[in-house]
């Protein structure tokens, strides 16, 4: 989509379906190094690690899985405009921290070695990284720690694009110019028709995703410096209630003062856009996968036309 189009426009979801991103992607595939499970898909994970594909960190597996079967993937690297690096870093760190009970410092050291091992292949066996110093390479960091799970990230991948559910503009590792906020990979939930429940629970950032929209629960946003998924194409004011942090003491009053007609109007907007916050298997036009691909294509066009030297 062009930058001035809005996903909340009545025809916008159909535009996503009918106009797939024109950018093409190459997914590096060296299973024994990148995720050490011998298969690109989640079914290749050992049973005890299968939660890596289904829990809150599941996006690092999902995007790899989806790109491997996507029409956007090319098999000739020279045709690609961006390169996806499928490293299951959070899964790797989790198995050492939680399953093997390794000390935190040791777990991070092993995870750092894991990334360095993968990057040695990407940089040593392929010529594409060095053309842009990794600026057209994509990494998924599905947790709140972002790229910091790779201790040497600032040395090796600071120029690369990150897909992350945490768009904290105050975080030193998040760059709104190049990075993309994606919906969190969360379990389905029920939103009772209760103002009290919403006041307590819907204020968390993750509720902006499918957990709120799919249940027609109006999201309440209390996060002055947080960027939400696909803000370039979604007008959150059409369905969410954003409250400045300084006004948080008035949250219940603000919520109760919203007329029922306005609540229903916002729910109708969510009925039109809910799919953009979901991860479908296989991906379908208008879901989070394709919205992310559109956002990558949009940013790639920005990078190419930018006057900022480091993005040329």
Protein backbone atom coordinates (compact mmCIF):
# COMPACT_ATOMS: atom_id res chain seq x y z
CA UNK A 1 0.00 0.00 0.00
CA UNK A 2 1.10 3.54 -0.58
CA UNK A 3 1.98 5.52 2.51
CA UNK A 4 -1.21 7.63 2.43
CA UNK A 5 -3.61 4.69 2.26
CA UNK A 6 -5.28 3.54 5.47
CA UNK A 7 -6.07 -0.02 6.41
CA UNK A 8 -9.25 1.22 8.06
CA UNK A 9 -10.65 2.46 4.76
CA UNK A 10 -13.62 0.23 3.78
CA UNK A 11 -11.78 -1.13 0.74
CA UNK A 12 -8.34 -1.33 2.32
CA UNK A 13 -8.41 -4.96 3.43
CA UNK A 14 -9.41 -5.99 -0.09
CA UNK A 15 -6.49 -3.93 -1.39
CA UNK A 16 -4.20 -6.05 0.76
CA UNK A 17 -5.73 -9.19 -0.70
CA UNK A 18 -5.70 -8.06 -4.33
CA UNK A 19 -2.33 -6.28 -4.30
CA UNK A 20 0.38 -8.44 -2.77
CA UNK A 21 3.71 -6.75 -2.05
CA UNK A 22 5.92 -6.48 -5.11
CA UNK A 23 9.13 -6.91 -3.12
CA UNK A 24 10.71 -10.35 -3.15
CA UNK A 25 12.51 -12.05 -0.29
CA UNK A 26 15.15 -14.72 0.08
CA UNK A 27 15.04 -16.86 3.21
CA UNK A 28 18.45 -18.28 4.00
CA UNK A 29 18.07 -21.95 4.80
CA UNK A 30 20.72 -23.82 6.73
CA UNK A 31 18.69 -25.68 9.31
CA UNK A 32 21.53 -27.26 11.27
CA UNK A 33 23.04 -23.87 12.02
CA UNK A 34 20.15 -21.45 12.25
CA UNK A 35 17.87 -23.44 14.50
CA UNK A 36 19.57 -26.85 14.84
CA UNK A 37 16.41 -28.84 14.34
CA UNK A 38 16.99 -29.99 10.76
CA UNK A 39 13.73 -28.64 9.33
CA UNK A 40 12.47 -25.19 8.35
CA UNK A 41 9.01 -25.76 9.75
CA UNK A 42 7.68 -25.86 13.28
CA UNK A 43 6.86 -29.56 12.96
CA UNK A 44 10.61 -30.16 12.78
CA UNK A 45 11.10 -28.94 16.36
CA UNK A 46 11.65 -31.61 18.97
CA UNK A 47 8.57 -32.13 21.17
CA UNK A 48 10.02 -30.33 24.16
CA UNK A 49 10.83 -27.29 22.00
CA UNK A 50 7.56 -27.21 20.07
CA UNK A 51 6.28 -24.41 22.30
CA UNK A 52 8.79 -22.17 20.51
CA UNK A 53 6.36 -22.21 17.57
CA UNK A 54 3.20 -21.69 19.63
CA UNK A 55 3.94 -19.44 22.62
CA UNK A 56 4.46 -15.68 22.72
CA UNK A 57 7.81 -16.03 20.91
CA UNK A 58 6.30 -18.00 18.04
CA UNK A 59 6.80 -15.27 15.43
CA UNK A 60 10.46 -16.14 14.90
CA UNK A 61 9.34 -19.58 13.75
CA UNK A 62 6.17 -18.37 12.04
CA UNK A 63 7.79 -15.89 9.64
CA UNK A 64 10.38 -18.47 8.59
CA UNK A 65 7.68 -21.06 8.06
CA UNK A 66 5.47 -18.64 6.11
CA UNK A 67 8.24 -17.33 3.85
CA UNK A 68 9.40 -20.82 2.94
CA UNK A 69 6.06 -21.46 1.24
CA UNK A 70 5.24 -17.90 0.17
CA UNK A 71 4.99 -16.64 -3.39
CA UNK A 72 7.14 -13.73 -2.21
CA UNK A 73 10.12 -16.01 -1.69
CA UNK A 74 12.61 -16.33 -4.54
CA UNK A 75 15.11 -19.13 -5.03
CA UNK A 76 17.57 -17.02 -6.99
CA UNK A 77 19.26 -14.63 -4.54
CA UNK A 78 20.00 -12.05 -7.23
CA UNK A 79 16.23 -11.49 -7.62
CA UNK A 80 15.71 -10.70 -3.94
CA UNK A 81 15.33 -7.18 -2.60
CA UNK A 82 15.53 -8.23 1.06
CA UNK A 83 16.95 -11.22 2.92
CA UNK A 84 15.36 -13.03 5.86
CA UNK A 85 17.73 -14.60 8.40
CA UNK A 86 15.87 -17.43 10.21
CA UNK A 87 17.51 -17.60 13.62
CA UNK A 88 15.41 -18.92 16.51
CA UNK A 89 17.28 -16.87 19.10
CA UNK A 90 14.61 -16.63 21.79
CA UNK A 91 13.94 -20.35 21.50
CA UNK A 92 17.66 -21.07 21.78
CA UNK A 93 18.05 -18.83 24.83
CA UNK A 94 14.92 -20.24 26.45
CA UNK A 95 16.11 -23.83 26.24
CA UNK A 96 19.34 -22.98 28.05
CA UNK A 97 17.79 -20.66 30.64
CA UNK A 98 14.66 -22.64 31.40
CA UNK A 99 15.19 -26.25 30.33
CA UNK A 100 18.86 -26.73 31.08
CA UNK A 101 18.93 -24.25 33.96
CA UNK A 102 22.15 -22.67 32.81
CA UNK A 103 23.16 -19.44 34.58
CA UNK A 104 21.89 -16.32 32.83
CA UNK A 105 25.36 -15.11 31.85
CA UNK A 106 26.26 -18.50 30.38
CA UNK A 107 22.95 -18.71 28.49
CA UNK A 108 23.61 -15.33 26.89
CA UNK A 109 27.14 -16.33 25.98
CA UNK A 110 25.87 -19.45 24.21
CA UNK A 111 23.17 -17.43 22.43
CA UNK A 112 25.76 -14.91 21.30
CA UNK A 113 27.88 -17.75 19.89
CA UNK A 114 24.78 -19.09 18.15
CA UNK A 115 24.21 -15.79 16.33
CA UNK A 116 27.87 -15.46 15.45
CA UNK A 117 27.86 -18.97 13.99
CA UNK A 118 24.90 -18.11 11.75
CA UNK A 119 26.33 -14.73 10.73
CA UNK A 120 29.60 -16.39 9.77
CA UNK A 121 27.65 -18.36 7.16
CA UNK A 122 25.59 -15.39 5.95
CA UNK A 123 28.63 -13.14 5.59
CA UNK A 124 31.18 -15.75 4.60
CA UNK A 125 29.30 -17.91 2.12
CA UNK A 126 27.06 -15.30 0.49
CA UNK A 127 27.97 -11.89 -1.01
CA UNK A 128 24.74 -10.07 -0.21
CA UNK A 129 25.38 -8.93 3.36
CA UNK A 130 28.49 -6.98 2.45
CA UNK A 131 26.70 -4.99 -0.27
CA UNK A 132 24.72 -3.04 2.35
CA UNK A 133 26.37 -4.09 5.64
CA UNK A 134 23.18 -6.00 6.40
CA UNK A 135 20.71 -3.14 5.89
CA UNK A 136 18.50 -5.30 3.66
CA UNK A 137 18.58 -8.27 6.05
CA UNK A 138 15.65 -9.03 8.36
CA UNK A 139 15.75 -10.52 11.85
CA UNK A 140 12.81 -11.43 14.09
CA UNK A 141 13.13 -10.57 17.78
CA UNK A 142 9.83 -11.68 19.32
CA UNK A 143 10.47 -10.71 22.93
CA UNK A 144 10.69 -7.53 25.00
CA UNK A 145 14.49 -7.88 25.09
CA UNK A 146 14.69 -7.25 21.37
CA UNK A 147 18.13 -7.74 19.79
CA UNK A 148 19.85 -7.60 23.19
CA UNK A 149 19.59 -11.40 23.43
CA UNK A 150 22.48 -11.21 20.95
CA UNK A 151 25.05 -9.47 23.12
CA UNK A 152 27.14 -8.24 20.20
CA UNK A 153 24.19 -6.98 18.14
CA UNK A 154 25.47 -3.40 18.05
CA UNK A 155 28.71 -4.54 16.46
CA UNK A 156 27.26 -6.89 13.87
CA UNK A 157 23.59 -6.21 13.02
CA UNK A 158 22.80 -2.65 14.11
CA UNK A 159 21.89 -1.68 10.53
CA UNK A 160 19.54 -4.60 9.92
CA UNK A 161 15.73 -4.55 10.04
CA UNK A 162 14.08 -5.97 13.16
CA UNK A 163 10.55 -7.36 13.37
CA UNK A 164 9.46 -6.97 16.98
CA UNK A 165 6.24 -6.67 18.99
CA UNK A 166 7.86 -4.07 21.26
CA UNK A 167 7.91 -0.64 19.63
CA UNK A 168 9.29 1.36 22.52
CA UNK A 169 10.64 4.58 21.02
CA UNK A 170 12.68 5.17 24.18
CA UNK A 171 14.48 1.85 23.89
CA UNK A 172 18.03 2.26 22.61
CA UNK A 173 17.71 -0.80 20.40
CA UNK A 174 14.50 0.17 18.59
CA UNK A 175 14.66 2.44 15.53
CA UNK A 176 11.28 3.53 14.19
CA UNK A 177 12.94 4.51 10.89
CA UNK A 178 13.98 0.96 9.95
CA UNK A 179 12.30 -1.49 12.36
CA UNK A 180 8.74 -2.82 12.15
CA UNK A 181 6.33 -3.44 15.03
CA UNK A 182 4.41 -6.67 14.51
CA UNK A 183 1.46 -8.06 16.47
CA UNK A 184 2.40 -10.20 19.43
CA UNK A 185 1.92 -13.93 19.04
CA UNK A 186 -0.64 -14.45 21.79
CA UNK A 187 -3.27 -16.95 22.84
CA UNK A 188 -6.95 -16.35 22.25
CA UNK A 189 -8.80 -14.66 25.09
CA UNK A 190 -12.32 -13.67 26.03
CA UNK A 191 -13.20 -10.08 26.79
CA UNK A 192 -16.24 -9.90 29.10
CA UNK A 193 -18.67 -7.08 28.48
CA UNK A 194 -17.51 -5.29 31.56
CA UNK A 195 -16.07 -1.81 31.91
CA UNK A 196 -14.34 -2.89 35.12
CA UNK A 197 -12.58 -5.73 33.34
CA UNK A 198 -11.46 -3.47 30.51
CA UNK A 199 -10.14 -0.91 32.95
CA UNK A 200 -7.96 -3.54 34.60
CA UNK A 201 -6.90 -5.72 31.69
CA UNK A 202 -7.19 -4.02 28.34
CA UNK A 203 -4.55 -1.42 29.10
CA UNK A 204 -1.67 -3.77 28.34
CA UNK A 205 -0.06 -3.32 24.94
CA UNK A 206 -0.67 -6.87 23.78
CA UNK A 207 -4.42 -6.29 23.93
CA UNK A 208 -4.09 -4.15 20.81
CA UNK A 209 -3.66 -7.35 18.85
CA UNK A 210 -6.01 -10.19 18.16
CA UNK A 211 -6.65 -10.68 21.87
CA UNK A 212 -8.66 -7.47 21.96
CA UNK A 213 -9.83 -6.90 18.41
CA UNK A 214 -11.03 -10.46 17.78
CA UNK A 215 -13.17 -10.30 20.93
CA UNK A 216 -14.55 -6.84 20.04
CA UNK A 217 -12.99 -5.50 23.21
CA UNK A 218 -12.10 -1.82 22.74
CA UNK A 219 -8.35 -1.49 23.42
CA UNK A 220 -7.30 1.11 25.95
CA UNK A 221 -3.82 2.45 25.24
CA UNK A 222 -1.74 4.02 27.99
CA UNK A 223 1.65 4.30 26.39
CA UNK A 224 2.87 7.72 25.29
CA UNK A 225 6.06 6.51 23.63
CA UNK A 226 4.98 3.15 22.25
CA UNK A 227 4.56 2.48 18.54
CA UNK A 228 1.87 -0.05 17.68
CA UNK A 229 1.68 -2.52 14.79
CA UNK A 230 1.22 -1.02 11.32
CA UNK A 231 0.60 2.56 12.48
CA UNK A 232 1.45 3.79 8.99
CA UNK A 233 -1.70 2.12 7.72
CA UNK A 234 -4.02 1.88 10.70
CA UNK A 235 -5.81 4.80 12.31
CA UNK A 236 -5.97 3.56 15.89
CA UNK A 237 -8.15 6.49 16.94
CA UNK A 238 -10.94 4.90 14.92
CA UNK A 239 -11.30 1.98 17.32
CA UNK A 240 -8.97 2.30 20.32
CA UNK A 241 -9.10 4.69 23.25
CA UNK A 242 -5.71 6.29 23.84
CA UNK A 243 -5.16 7.95 27.19
CA UNK A 244 -2.09 9.99 28.00
CA UNK A 245 -0.12 8.70 30.94
CA UNK A 246 -0.71 11.94 32.85
CA UNK A 247 -4.47 11.32 32.60
CA UNK A 248 -4.42 7.74 33.83
CA UNK A 249 -6.22 8.63 37.07
CA UNK A 250 -9.28 9.49 34.96
CA UNK A 251 -9.34 6.24 33.02
CA UNK A 252 -12.59 4.82 34.43
CA UNK A 253 -14.42 8.11 33.98
CA UNK A 254 -13.18 8.44 30.39
CA UNK A 255 -14.27 4.92 29.54
CA UNK A 256 -17.69 5.15 31.14
CA UNK A 257 -18.39 8.46 29.40
CA UNK A 258 -18.17 6.87 25.96
CA UNK A 259 -21.71 6.52 24.54
CA UNK A 260 -22.83 3.04 23.58
CA UNK A 261 -23.31 4.16 19.95
CA UNK A 262 -19.64 5.18 19.83
CA UNK A 263 -18.56 1.87 21.35
CA UNK A 264 -20.51 0.00 18.70
CA UNK A 265 -19.03 2.15 15.92
CA UNK A 266 -15.54 1.27 17.13
CA UNK A 267 -16.45 -2.40 17.25
CA UNK A 268 -17.62 -2.23 13.63
CA UNK A 269 -14.22 -0.83 12.67
CA UNK A 270 -12.55 -3.75 14.46
CA UNK A 271 -14.83 -6.14 12.58
CA UNK A 272 -13.24 -4.83 9.36
CA UNK A 273 -9.59 -4.99 10.42
CA UNK A 274 -9.31 -7.81 12.97
CA UNK A 275 -7.49 -10.15 10.59
CA UNK A 276 -4.51 -7.83 10.27
CA UNK A 277 -3.61 -8.68 13.88
CA UNK A 278 -3.73 -12.45 13.36
CA UNK A 279 -1.24 -15.02 12.10
CA UNK A 280 -2.98 -17.47 9.80
CA UNK A 281 -1.58 -20.86 8.79
CA UNK A 282 -1.18 -20.68 5.87
CA UNK A 283 -1.06 -16.88 5.57
CA UNK A 284 -3.98 -15.22 3.78
CA UNK A 285 -4.28 -11.79 2.22
CA UNK A 286 -4.99 -9.15 4.84
CA UNK A 287 -3.43 -10.96 7.81
CA UNK A 288 -0.40 -9.98 9.92
CA UNK A 289 2.05 -11.76 7.61
CA UNK A 290 0.99 -9.86 4.50
CA UNK A 291 0.65 -6.58 6.40
CA UNK A 292 4.24 -7.03 7.55
CA UNK A 293 5.37 -7.74 3.99
CA UNK A 294 3.64 -4.56 2.82
CA UNK A 295 5.34 -2.59 5.57
CA UNK A 296 8.73 -4.03 4.60
CA UNK A 297 8.09 -3.04 0.99
CA UNK A 298 7.08 0.46 2.05
CA UNK A 299 10.19 0.92 4.16
CA UNK A 300 12.40 -0.49 1.44
CA UNK A 301 11.09 2.21 -0.93
CA UNK A 302 11.79 4.81 1.75
CA UNK A 303 15.34 3.55 2.21
CA UNK A 304 16.06 3.75 -1.50
CA UNK A 305 14.72 7.30 -1.85
CA UNK A 306 16.15 8.63 1.40
CA UNK A 307 18.79 11.35 1.39
CA UNK A 308 20.29 9.88 4.53
CA UNK A 309 23.56 8.39 3.40
CA UNK A 310 23.53 5.28 5.58
CA UNK A 311 20.31 4.05 3.96
CA UNK A 312 21.30 4.57 0.33
